[in-house]
Protein backbone atom coordinates (compact mmCIF):
# COMPACT_ATOMS: atom_id res chain seq x y z
CA MET A 1 64.68 3.85 25.53
CA GLN A 2 60.67 3.33 24.33
CA ILE A 3 57.77 2.03 26.59
CA ALA A 4 54.12 2.46 25.82
CA ILE A 5 51.65 1.33 28.00
CA LYS A 6 47.89 0.18 26.91
CA ARG A 7 45.12 -1.77 28.53
CA ALA A 8 44.63 -5.59 27.83
CA TYR A 9 41.55 -4.75 26.38
CA ASP A 10 42.86 -2.17 23.67
CA LYS A 11 43.10 -4.02 20.51
CA PRO A 12 46.53 -5.20 19.62
CA SER A 13 48.65 -3.31 17.16
CA ALA A 14 51.86 -3.79 15.00
CA ALA A 15 52.92 -0.38 15.77
CA ASP A 16 53.06 -2.29 20.18
CA GLY A 17 55.87 -3.61 19.15
CA HIS A 18 57.10 -6.61 21.77
CA ARG A 19 54.08 -6.49 24.26
CA ILE A 20 54.64 -7.54 27.77
CA LEU A 21 52.03 -8.49 30.20
CA ILE A 22 52.89 -6.90 33.43
CA ASP A 23 50.17 -8.20 35.78
CA ARG A 24 50.18 -11.29 38.07
CA ILE A 25 46.83 -12.36 36.56
CA TRP A 26 45.85 -13.01 33.50
CA PRO A 27 43.20 -9.99 32.37
CA ARG A 28 39.57 -11.58 33.04
CA GLY A 29 37.72 -12.40 29.54
CA ILE A 30 40.24 -11.64 27.43
CA SER A 31 42.06 -14.78 25.18
CA LYS A 32 45.39 -15.29 24.85
CA LYS A 33 45.40 -15.10 21.18
CA ASP A 34 43.24 -12.35 21.75
CA ALA A 35 45.76 -10.08 23.61
CA ALA A 36 48.90 -11.16 21.29
CA ILE A 37 51.37 -11.32 24.34
CA ASP A 38 54.73 -11.72 23.53
CA GLU A 39 56.14 -12.32 26.92
CA TRP A 40 54.61 -12.46 30.57
CA VAL A 41 56.21 -11.45 33.40
CA LYS A 42 54.70 -12.14 36.46
CA ASP A 43 57.32 -11.55 38.42
CA LEU A 44 57.90 -7.62 37.65
CA ALA A 45 53.89 -7.20 39.01
CA PRO A 46 52.75 -6.23 42.24
CA SER A 47 52.86 -8.84 44.99
CA SER A 48 48.95 -9.65 45.34
CA GLN A 49 49.45 -7.99 48.68
CA LEU A 50 49.98 -4.88 47.38
CA ARG A 51 47.90 -4.95 44.46
CA LYS A 52 44.74 -5.72 46.76
CA TRP A 53 45.43 -3.27 49.21
CA PHE A 54 46.46 -0.58 46.47
CA GLY A 55 42.86 -1.12 44.92
CA HIS A 56 43.22 1.61 42.24
CA GLN A 57 42.58 4.41 44.72
CA PRO A 58 44.75 7.54 43.87
CA GLU A 59 45.24 8.89 47.23
CA LYS A 60 47.21 5.49 47.64
CA TRP A 61 49.12 6.28 44.64
CA PRO A 62 52.57 7.94 46.41
CA GLU A 63 52.63 4.85 49.10
CA PHE A 64 51.74 2.25 46.41
CA LYS A 65 54.98 3.59 44.15
CA LYS A 66 56.85 3.69 47.25
CA ARG A 67 55.92 0.00 48.33
CA TYR A 68 56.20 -1.31 44.36
CA PHE A 69 59.78 0.14 44.03
CA LYS A 70 61.14 -1.01 47.06
CA GLU A 71 59.47 -4.90 45.43
CA LEU A 72 61.40 -3.75 42.42
CA ASP A 73 64.42 -3.19 43.98
CA SER A 74 64.56 -7.26 45.03
CA ASN A 75 63.90 -7.97 41.54
CA LYS A 76 66.65 -5.84 39.64
CA GLU A 77 67.80 -8.90 37.52
CA GLN A 78 64.18 -9.08 35.75
CA ALA A 79 64.24 -5.87 35.41
CA GLN A 80 67.71 -5.34 33.83
CA ALA A 81 66.09 -8.32 31.27
CA ILE A 82 63.48 -6.12 30.62
CA CYS A 83 65.48 -3.02 30.08
CA ARG A 84 68.18 -5.04 27.50
CA THR A 85 64.64 -5.85 25.52
CA VAL A 86 63.74 -2.19 25.54
CA LYS A 87 67.16 -0.84 24.26
CA LYS A 88 66.71 -3.76 21.29
CA GLN A 89 63.11 -3.37 20.16
CA HIS A 90 60.37 -0.63 20.81
CA VAL A 91 58.27 -2.34 23.89
CA THR A 92 54.50 -2.11 25.38
CA PHE A 93 53.43 -2.92 29.01
CA VAL A 94 50.20 -4.51 28.99
CA TYR A 95 48.13 -4.48 31.65
CA GLY A 96 44.49 -5.23 32.56
CA ALA A 97 43.14 -2.63 35.44
CA ARG A 98 40.63 0.16 33.97
CA GLU A 99 42.62 2.91 36.27
CA GLU A 100 45.11 4.14 33.34
CA ARG A 101 46.66 7.08 35.41
CA PHE A 102 47.37 4.71 38.76
CA ASN A 103 48.35 1.22 37.53
CA ASN A 104 51.33 -0.72 37.88
CA ALA A 105 52.51 -0.18 34.35
CA VAL A 106 52.73 3.34 35.01
CA ALA A 107 55.01 2.70 37.74
CA LEU A 108 57.07 0.25 36.48
CA LYS A 109 58.09 2.49 33.29
CA GLU A 110 58.78 5.23 35.57
CA TYR A 111 60.73 2.76 38.25
CA LEU A 112 62.95 1.70 34.97
CA GLU A 113 63.42 4.81 33.73
CA LYS A 114 64.68 6.39 36.93
CA LYS A 115 66.59 3.59 38.69
CA VAL A 116 67.23 0.52 36.35
CA CYS A 117 67.70 1.46 32.44
């Protein structure tokens, strides 16, 4: 299983493979053409309530993952669909947050690697 992670504001490349936006909202200031997104999976993004609570505060990271994984547990069908894609081709999770270590793309990759794929 190969999942890369990349900010939406970084230039897309052929090496990205299948680019999946995993945010609930579209990244500000970037056009759909420039983002080169192949698939937008809003249902696997954290709920708006969870995203706002977290606010990319590192001290909330463990609790964020716990709550986010619980949300993902209720949507395993969509997670399994992503796993099927990953098994066929290289995938890059695209996200809009500035924080590179504590964001939903990192958490989703961990969730899929540990629980689904």
